[in-house]
Amino acid sequence: MIELPEVIRNATGIRVFGKRLKSFVFSTDVAVIRNTNADAVIAVYPFTPQPVITAAIVLAADVPVFCGVGGGLTMGKRVVNLA
């Protein structure tokens, strides 16, 4: 289990859809996502987005996921439509 420092609980955090989020794990690794005590996941990768990858990350997580288009290799109409 990847446990985040307890001092994070002292942070004010941000409120998203009525839920207070104080800690985030930045990863696309489903093993890390399943085994952390973070309040949410940030998942960005530098390749052309694939809906199946986003679906796998969301399926693996039991916390909110922020998954987006990013990196220097993403471009074109398809990426704009996915974003």
PDB file of N, CA and C in Angstrom:
ATOM      1  N   MET A   1       0.848  -1.183   0.000  1.00  0.00           N
ATOM      2  CA  MET A   1       0.000   0.000   0.000  1.00  0.00           C
ATOM      3  C   MET A   1       0.887   1.238   0.000  1.00  0.00           C
ATOM      4  N   ILE A   2       0.606   2.155  -0.885  1.00  0.00           N
ATOM      5  CA  ILE A   2       1.307   3.436  -0.920  1.00  0.00           C
ATOM      6  C   ILE A   2       0.494   4.406  -0.071  1.00  0.00           C
ATOM      7  N   GLU A   3       1.000   4.691   1.108  1.00  0.00           N
ATOM      8  CA  GLU A   3       0.286   5.573   2.026  1.00  0.00           C
ATOM      9  C   GLU A   3       0.867   6.977   1.955  1.00  0.00           C
ATOM     10  N   LEU A   4      -0.005   7.931   1.754  1.00  0.00           N
ATOM     11  CA  LEU A   4       0.422   9.317   1.695  1.00  0.00           C
ATOM     12  C   LEU A   4       0.604   9.850   3.112  1.00  0.00           C
ATOM     13  N   PRO A   5       1.470  10.855   3.291  1.00  0.00           N
ATOM     14  CA  PRO A   5       1.716  11.390   4.637  1.00  0.00           C
ATOM     15  C   PRO A   5       0.435  11.908   5.294  1.00  0.00           C
ATOM     16  N   GLU A   6       0.290  11.631   6.563  1.00  0.00           N
ATOM     17  CA  GLU A   6      -0.898  12.051   7.318  1.00  0.00           C
ATOM     18  C   GLU A   6      -1.061  13.566   7.367  1.00  0.00           C
ATOM     19  N   VAL A   7       0.043  14.307   7.249  1.00  0.00           N
ATOM     20  CA  VAL A   7      -0.032  15.770   7.307  1.00  0.00           C
ATOM     21  C   VAL A   7      -0.906  16.325   6.179  1.00  0.00           C
ATOM     22  N   ILE A   8      -1.099  15.571   5.117  1.00  0.00           N
ATOM     23  CA  ILE A   8      -1.964  16.006   4.011  1.00  0.00           C
ATOM     24  C   ILE A   8      -3.388  16.251   4.511  1.00  0.00           C
ATOM     25  N   ARG A   9      -3.814  15.538   5.524  1.00  0.00           N
ATOM     26  CA  ARG A   9      -5.167  15.710   6.067  1.00  0.00           C
ATOM     27  C   ARG A   9      -5.372  17.107   6.654  1.00  0.00           C
ATOM     28  N   ASN A  10      -4.279  17.826   6.963  1.00  0.00           N
ATOM     29  CA  ASN A  10      -4.379  19.195   7.485  1.00  0.00           C
ATOM     30  C   ASN A  10      -4.637  20.221   6.383  1.00  0.00           C
ATOM     31  N   ALA A  11      -4.448  19.837   5.136  1.00  0.00           N
ATOM     32  CA  ALA A  11      -4.654  20.754   4.010  1.00  0.00           C
ATOM     33  C   ALA A  11      -6.141  21.061   3.847  1.00  0.00           C
ATOM     34  N   THR A  12      -6.440  22.200   3.255  1.00  0.00           N
ATOM     35  CA  THR A  12      -7.841  22.551   3.022  1.00  0.00           C
ATOM     36  C   THR A  12      -8.415  21.771   1.847  1.00  0.00           C
ATOM     37  N   GLY A  13      -7.583  21.427   0.888  1.00  0.00           N
ATOM     38  CA  GLY A  13      -8.040  20.649  -0.254  1.00  0.00           C
ATOM     39  C   GLY A  13      -8.896  21.456  -1.211  1.00  0.00           C
ATOM     40  N   ILE A  14      -9.514  20.755  -2.143  1.00  0.00           N
ATOM     41  CA  ILE A  14     -10.440  21.385  -3.079  1.00  0.00           C
ATOM     42  C   ILE A  14     -11.737  20.586  -3.071  1.00  0.00           C
ATOM     43  N   ARG A  15     -12.820  21.261  -3.376  1.00  0.00           N
ATOM     44  CA  ARG A  15     -14.119  20.594  -3.409  1.00  0.00           C
ATOM     45  C   ARG A  15     -14.513  20.388  -4.866  1.00  0.00           C
ATOM     46  N   VAL A  16     -14.790  19.141  -5.216  1.00  0.00           N
ATOM     47  CA  VAL A  16     -15.209  18.786  -6.570  1.00  0.00           C
ATOM     48  C   VAL A  16     -16.489  17.970  -6.459  1.00  0.00           C
ATOM     49  N   PHE A  17     -17.559  18.480  -7.051  1.00  0.00           N
ATOM     50  CA  PHE A  17     -18.867  17.819  -6.995  1.00  0.00           C
ATOM     51  C   PHE A  17     -19.264  17.447  -5.574  1.00  0.00           C
ATOM     52  N   GLY A  18     -18.971  18.350  -4.634  1.00  0.00           N
ATOM     53  CA  GLY A  18     -19.374  18.149  -3.257  1.00  0.00           C
ATOM     54  C   GLY A  18     -18.445  17.287  -2.421  1.00  0.00           C
ATOM     55  N   LYS A  19     -17.378  16.774  -3.008  1.00  0.00           N
ATOM     56  CA  LYS A  19     -16.434  15.933  -2.263  1.00  0.00           C
ATOM     57  C   LYS A  19     -15.127  16.694  -2.068  1.00  0.00           C
ATOM     58  N   ARG A  20     -14.615  16.708  -0.841  1.00  0.00           N
ATOM     59  CA  ARG A  20     -13.359  17.388  -0.535  1.00  0.00           C
ATOM     60  C   ARG A  20     -12.200  16.455  -0.860  1.00  0.00           C
ATOM     61  N   LEU A  21     -11.305  16.929  -1.730  1.00  0.00           N
ATOM     62  CA  LEU A  21     -10.133  16.154  -2.141  1.00  0.00           C
ATOM     63  C   LEU A  21      -8.883  16.841  -1.610  1.00  0.00           C
ATOM     64  N   LYS A  22      -8.104  16.099  -0.837  1.00  0.00           N
ATOM     65  CA  LYS A  22      -6.894  16.665  -0.246  1.00  0.00           C
ATOM     66  C   LYS A  22      -5.621  16.026  -0.773  1.00  0.00           C
ATOM     67  N   SER A  23      -5.719  14.823  -1.278  1.00  0.00           N
ATOM     68  CA  SER A  23      -4.515  14.139  -1.756  1.00  0.00           C
ATOM     69  C   SER A  23      -4.773  13.509  -3.115  1.00  0.00           C
ATOM     70  N   PHE A  24      -3.738  13.541  -3.951  1.00  0.00           N
ATOM     71  CA  PHE A  24      -3.830  13.013  -5.305  1.00  0.00           C
ATOM     72  C   PHE A  24      -2.634  12.117  -5.577  1.00  0.00           C
ATOM     73  N   VAL A  25      -2.858  11.074  -6.342  1.00  0.00           N
ATOM     74  CA  VAL A  25      -1.749  10.267  -6.844  1.00  0.00           C
ATOM     75  C   VAL A  25      -1.700  10.509  -8.350  1.00  0.00           C
ATOM     76  N   PHE A  26      -0.511  10.783  -8.861  1.00  0.00           N
ATOM     77  CA  PHE A  26      -0.317  11.061 -10.283  1.00  0.00           C
ATOM     78  C   PHE A  26       0.257   9.796 -10.907  1.00  0.00           C
ATOM     79  N   SER A  27      -0.601   9.012 -11.543  1.00  0.00           N
ATOM     80  CA  SER A  27      -0.153   7.730 -12.086  1.00  0.00           C
ATOM     81  C   SER A  27      -1.148   7.189 -13.101  1.00  0.00           C
ATOM     82  N   THR A  28      -0.640   6.391 -14.029  1.00  0.00           N
ATOM     83  CA  THR A  28      -1.498   5.615 -14.920  1.00  0.00           C
ATOM     84  C   THR A  28      -1.336   4.130 -14.624  1.00  0.00           C
ATOM     85  N   ASP A  29      -0.546   3.799 -13.628  1.00  0.00           N
ATOM     86  CA  ASP A  29      -0.288   2.411 -13.248  1.00  0.00           C
ATOM     87  C   ASP A  29      -1.454   1.904 -12.393  1.00  0.00           C
ATOM     88  N   VAL A  30      -2.215   0.944 -12.908  1.00  0.00           N
ATOM     89  CA  VAL A  30      -3.402   0.488 -12.177  1.00  0.00           C
ATOM     90  C   VAL A  30      -3.045  -0.177 -10.857  1.00  0.00           C
ATOM     91  N   ALA A  31      -1.854  -0.759 -10.745  1.00  0.00           N
ATOM     92  CA  ALA A  31      -1.440  -1.350  -9.469  1.00  0.00           C
ATOM     93  C   ALA A  31      -1.252  -0.260  -8.414  1.00  0.00           C
ATOM     94  N   VAL A  32      -0.679   0.859  -8.805  1.00  0.00           N
ATOM     95  CA  VAL A  32      -0.513   1.986  -7.883  1.00  0.00           C
ATOM     96  C   VAL A  32      -1.872   2.586  -7.543  1.00  0.00           C
ATOM     97  N   ILE A  33      -2.710   2.764  -8.566  1.00  0.00           N
ATOM     98  CA  ILE A  33      -4.034   3.357  -8.363  1.00  0.00           C
ATOM     99  C   ILE A  33      -4.867   2.522  -7.393  1.00  0.00           C
ATOM    100  N   ARG A  34      -4.792   1.205  -7.476  1.00  0.00           N
ATOM    101  CA  ARG A  34      -5.567   0.320  -6.592  1.00  0.00           C
ATOM    102  C   ARG A  34      -5.001   0.260  -5.183  1.00  0.00           C
ATOM    103  N   ASN A  35      -3.726   0.606  -5.016  1.00  0.00           N
ATOM    104  CA  ASN A  35      -3.063   0.407  -3.731  1.00  0.00           C
ATOM    105  C   ASN A  35      -2.522   1.702  -3.138  1.00  0.00           C
ATOM    106  N   THR A  36      -3.349   2.715  -3.105  1.00  0.00           N
ATOM    107  CA  THR A  36      -2.969   3.977  -2.481  1.00  0.00           C
ATOM    108  C   THR A  36      -4.151   4.507  -1.676  1.00  0.00           C
ATOM    109  N   ASN A  37      -3.846   5.355  -0.725  1.00  0.00           N
ATOM    110  CA  ASN A  37      -4.929   5.948   0.060  1.00  0.00           C
ATOM    111  C   ASN A  37      -5.206   7.397  -0.355  1.00  0.00           C
ATOM    112  N   ALA A  38      -4.832   7.754  -1.580  1.00  0.00           N
ATOM    113  CA  ALA A  38      -5.099   9.102  -2.098  1.00  0.00           C
ATOM    114  C   ALA A  38      -6.598   9.301  -2.295  1.00  0.00           C
ATOM    115  N   ASP A  39      -7.019  10.555  -2.221  1.00  0.00           N
ATOM    116  CA  ASP A  39      -8.432  10.892  -2.411  1.00  0.00           C
ATOM    117  C   ASP A  39      -8.849  10.879  -3.875  1.00  0.00           C
ATOM    118  N   ALA A  40      -7.881  11.016  -4.796  1.00  0.00           N
ATOM    119  CA  ALA A  40      -8.192  11.065  -6.224  1.00  0.00           C
ATOM    120  C   ALA A  40      -6.959  10.693  -7.039  1.00  0.00           C
ATOM    121  N   VAL A  41      -7.183  10.448  -8.315  1.00  0.00           N
ATOM    122  CA  VAL A  41      -6.119  10.065  -9.246  1.00  0.00           C
ATOM    123  C   VAL A  41      -6.027  11.112 -10.352  1.00  0.00           C
ATOM    124  N   ILE A  42      -4.801  11.499 -10.680  1.00  0.00           N
ATOM    125  CA  ILE A  42      -4.549  12.308 -11.869  1.00  0.00           C
ATOM    126  C   ILE A  42      -3.809  11.397 -12.841  1.00  0.00           C
ATOM    127  N   ALA A  43      -4.404  11.152 -13.999  1.00  0.00           N
ATOM    128  CA  ALA A  43      -3.813  10.243 -14.981  1.00  0.00           C
ATOM    129  C   ALA A  43      -3.687  10.950 -16.326  1.00  0.00           C
ATOM    130  N   VAL A  44      -2.461  11.260 -16.697  1.00  0.00           N
ATOM    131  CA  VAL A  44      -2.181  11.893 -17.982  1.00  0.00           C
ATOM    132  C   VAL A  44      -1.010  11.153 -18.596  1.00  0.00           C
ATOM    133  N   TYR A  45      -1.111  10.859 -19.881  1.00  0.00           N
ATOM    134  CA  TYR A  45      -0.004  10.195 -20.567  1.00  0.00           C
ATOM    135  C   TYR A  45       0.234  10.886 -21.905  1.00  0.00           C
ATOM    136  N   PRO A  46       1.461  10.805 -22.445  1.00  0.00           N
ATOM    137  CA  PRO A  46       1.827  11.626 -23.604  1.00  0.00           C
ATOM    138  C   PRO A  46       1.474  11.046 -24.969  1.00  0.00           C
ATOM    139  N   PHE A  47       0.612  10.058 -25.018  1.00  0.00           N
ATOM    140  CA  PHE A  47       0.277   9.424 -26.283  1.00  0.00           C
ATOM    141  C   PHE A  47      -1.142   9.784 -26.693  1.00  0.00           C
ATOM    142  N   THR A  48      -1.484   9.457 -27.928  1.00  0.00           N
ATOM    143  CA  THR A  48      -2.837   9.702 -28.401  1.00  0.00           C
ATOM    144  C   THR A  48      -3.816   8.996 -27.472  1.00  0.00           C
ATOM    145  N   PRO A  49      -4.785   9.705 -26.946  1.00  0.00           N
ATOM    146  CA  PRO A  49      -5.727   9.102 -26.002  1.00  0.00           C
ATOM    147  C   PRO A  49      -6.525   7.960 -26.626  1.00  0.00           C
ATOM    148  N   GLN A  50      -6.713   6.946 -25.837  1.00  0.00           N
ATOM    149  CA  GLN A  50      -7.519   5.800 -26.240  1.00  0.00           C
ATOM    150  C   GLN A  50      -8.625   5.645 -25.198  1.00  0.00           C
ATOM    151  N   PRO A  51      -9.876   5.622 -25.612  1.00  0.00           N
ATOM    152  CA  PRO A  51     -10.966   5.452 -24.642  1.00  0.00           C
ATOM    153  C   PRO A  51     -10.807   4.198 -23.786  1.00  0.00           C
ATOM    154  N   VAL A  52     -10.217   3.149 -24.329  1.00  0.00           N
ATOM    155  CA  VAL A  52     -10.045   1.914 -23.560  1.00  0.00           C
ATOM    156  C   VAL A  52      -9.062   2.119 -22.402  1.00  0.00           C
ATOM    157  N   ILE A  53      -8.056   2.981 -22.589  1.00  0.00           N
ATOM    158  CA  ILE A  53      -7.106   3.260 -21.506  1.00  0.00           C
ATOM    159  C   ILE A  53      -7.799   4.054 -20.401  1.00  0.00           C
ATOM    160  N   THR A  54      -8.544   5.063 -20.780  1.00  0.00           N
ATOM    161  CA  THR A  54      -9.301   5.836 -19.793  1.00  0.00           C
ATOM    162  C   THR A  54     -10.276   4.941 -19.040  1.00  0.00           C
ATOM    163  N   ALA A  55     -10.968   4.074 -19.755  1.00  0.00           N
ATOM    164  CA  ALA A  55     -11.930   3.161 -19.119  1.00  0.00           C
ATOM    165  C   ALA A  55     -11.232   2.236 -18.129  1.00  0.00           C
ATOM    166  N   ALA A  56     -10.050   1.743 -18.478  1.00  0.00           N
ATOM    167  CA  ALA A  56      -9.311   0.846 -17.581  1.00  0.00           C
ATOM    168  C   ALA A  56      -8.896   1.568 -16.303  1.00  0.00           C
ATOM    169  N   ILE A  57      -8.451   2.810 -16.438  1.00  0.00           N
ATOM    170  CA  ILE A  57      -8.040   3.582 -15.264  1.00  0.00           C
ATOM    171  C   ILE A  57      -9.240   3.857 -14.363  1.00  0.00           C
ATOM    172  N   VAL A  58     -10.343   4.271 -14.950  1.00  0.00           N
ATOM    173  CA  VAL A  58     -11.556   4.550 -14.166  1.00  0.00           C
ATOM    174  C   VAL A  58     -12.071   3.281 -13.502  1.00  0.00           C
ATOM    175  N   LEU A  59     -12.020   2.166 -14.206  1.00  0.00           N
ATOM    176  CA  LEU A  59     -12.468   0.891 -13.650  1.00  0.00           C
ATOM    177  C   LEU A  59     -11.586   0.455 -12.482  1.00  0.00           C
ATOM    178  N   ALA A  60     -10.290   0.714 -12.579  1.00  0.00           N
ATOM    179  CA  ALA A  60      -9.358   0.300 -11.529  1.00  0.00           C
ATOM    180  C   ALA A  60      -9.473   1.160 -10.277  1.00  0.00           C
ATOM    181  N   ALA A  61      -9.894   2.401 -10.435  1.00  0.00           N
ATOM    182  CA  ALA A  61      -9.916   3.339  -9.310  1.00  0.00           C
ATOM    183  C   ALA A  61     -11.230   3.268  -8.549  1.00  0.00           C
ATOM    184  N   ASP A  62     -11.129   3.407  -7.230  1.00  0.00           N
ATOM    185  CA  ASP A  62     -12.338   3.514  -6.418  1.00  0.00           C
ATOM    186  C   ASP A  62     -12.477   4.928  -5.847  1.00  0.00           C
ATOM    187  N   VAL A  63     -11.719   5.855  -6.442  1.00  0.00           N
ATOM    188  CA  VAL A  63     -11.773   7.276  -6.088  1.00  0.00           C
ATOM    189  C   VAL A  63     -11.941   8.070  -7.389  1.00  0.00           C
ATOM    190  N   PRO A  64     -12.253   9.360  -7.303  1.00  0.00           N
ATOM    191  CA  PRO A  64     -12.394  10.154  -8.531  1.00  0.00           C
ATOM    192  C   PRO A  64     -11.119  10.151  -9.375  1.00  0.00           C
ATOM    193  N   VAL A  65     -11.290  10.188 -10.691  1.00  0.00           N
ATOM    194  CA  VAL A  65     -10.158  10.181 -11.626  1.00  0.00           C
ATOM    195  C   VAL A  65     -10.221  11.431 -12.495  1.00  0.00           C
ATOM    196  N   PHE A  66      -9.102  12.121 -12.581  1.00  0.00           N
ATOM    197  CA  PHE A  66      -8.937  13.227 -13.514  1.00  0.00           C
ATOM    198  C   PHE A  66      -8.017  12.707 -14.608  1.00  0.00           C
ATOM    199  N   CYS A  67      -8.587  12.418 -15.741  1.00  0.00           N
ATOM    200  CA  CYS A  67      -7.837  11.811 -16.836  1.00  0.00           C
ATOM    201  C   CYS A  67      -7.952  12.725 -18.038  1.00  0.00           C
ATOM    202  N   GLY A  68      -6.817  13.091 -18.609  1.00  0.00           N
ATOM    203  CA  GLY A  68      -6.906  14.054 -19.687  1.00  0.00           C
ATOM    204  C   GLY A  68      -5.908  13.846 -20.797  1.00  0.00           C
ATOM    205  N   VAL A  69      -6.000  14.744 -21.737  1.00  0.00           N
ATOM    206  CA  VAL A  69      -5.123  14.750 -22.889  1.00  0.00           C
ATOM    207  C   VAL A  69      -3.936  15.632 -22.550  1.00  0.00           C
ATOM    208  N   GLY A  70      -2.742  15.126 -22.719  1.00  0.00           N
ATOM    209  CA  GLY A  70      -1.572  15.927 -22.404  1.00  0.00           C
ATOM    210  C   GLY A  70      -0.321  15.356 -23.027  1.00  0.00           C
ATOM    211  N   GLY A  71       0.736  16.117 -22.957  1.00  0.00           N
ATOM    212  CA  GLY A  71       2.006  15.656 -23.492  1.00  0.00           C
ATOM    213  C   GLY A  71       2.280  16.191 -24.883  1.00  0.00           C
ATOM    214  N   GLY A  72       3.509  16.074 -25.284  1.00  0.00           N
ATOM    215  CA  GLY A  72       3.939  16.626 -26.558  1.00  0.00           C
ATOM    216  C   GLY A  72       3.590  15.803 -27.776  1.00  0.00           C
ATOM    217  N   LEU A  73       3.133  14.577 -27.611  1.00  0.00           N
ATOM    218  CA  LEU A  73       2.848  13.721 -28.756  1.00  0.00           C
ATOM    219  C   LEU A  73       1.381  13.721 -29.151  1.00  0.00           C
ATOM    220  N   THR A  74       0.553  14.441 -28.418  1.00  0.00           N
ATOM    221  CA  THR A  74      -0.880  14.439 -28.716  1.00  0.00           C
ATOM    222  C   THR A  74      -1.230  15.632 -29.584  1.00  0.00           C
ATOM    223  N   MET A  75      -1.927  15.369 -30.678  1.00  0.00           N
ATOM    224  CA  MET A  75      -2.339  16.452 -31.566  1.00  0.00           C
ATOM    225  C   MET A  75      -3.394  15.930 -32.530  1.00  0.00           C
ATOM    226  N   GLY A  76      -4.022  16.825 -33.222  1.00  0.00           N
ATOM    227  CA  GLY A  76      -4.966  16.425 -34.251  1.00  0.00           C
ATOM    228  C   GLY A  76      -6.414  16.506 -33.813  1.00  0.00           C
ATOM    229  N   LYS A  77      -7.297  16.291 -34.781  1.00  0.00           N
ATOM    230  CA  LYS A  77      -8.735  16.414 -34.567  1.00  0.00           C
ATOM    231  C   LYS A  77      -9.252  15.403 -33.546  1.00  0.00           C
ATOM    232  N   ARG A  78      -8.748  14.170 -33.584  1.00  0.00           N
ATOM    233  CA  ARG A  78      -9.220  13.134 -32.659  1.00  0.00           C
ATOM    234  C   ARG A  78      -8.981  13.544 -31.212  1.00  0.00           C
ATOM    235  N   VAL A  79      -7.815  14.101 -30.938  1.00  0.00           N
ATOM    236  CA  VAL A  79      -7.485  14.533 -29.578  1.00  0.00           C
ATOM    237  C   VAL A  79      -8.408  15.662 -29.143  1.00  0.00           C
ATOM    238  N   VAL A  80      -8.673  16.587 -30.039  1.00  0.00           N
ATOM    239  CA  VAL A  80      -9.583  17.691 -29.712  1.00  0.00           C
ATOM    240  C   VAL A  80     -10.957  17.143 -29.371  1.00  0.00           C
ATOM    241  N   ASN A  81     -11.435  16.176 -30.121  1.00  0.00           N
ATOM    242  CA  ASN A  81     -12.742  15.578 -29.847  1.00  0.00           C
ATOM    243  C   ASN A  81     -12.760  14.837 -28.516  1.00  0.00           C
ATOM    244  N   LEU A  82     -11.675  14.149 -28.161  1.00  0.00           N
ATOM    245  CA  LEU A  82     -11.623  13.427 -26.891  1.00  0.00           C
ATOM    246  C   LEU A  82     -11.517  14.380 -25.711  1.00  0.00           C
ATOM    247  N   ALA A  83     -10.833  15.503 -25.909  1.00  0.00           N
ATOM    248  CA  ALA A  83     -10.658  16.473 -24.821  1.00  0.00           C
ATOM    249  C   ALA A  83     -11.989  17.138 -24.525  1.00  0.00           C
TER     250      ALA A  83
END
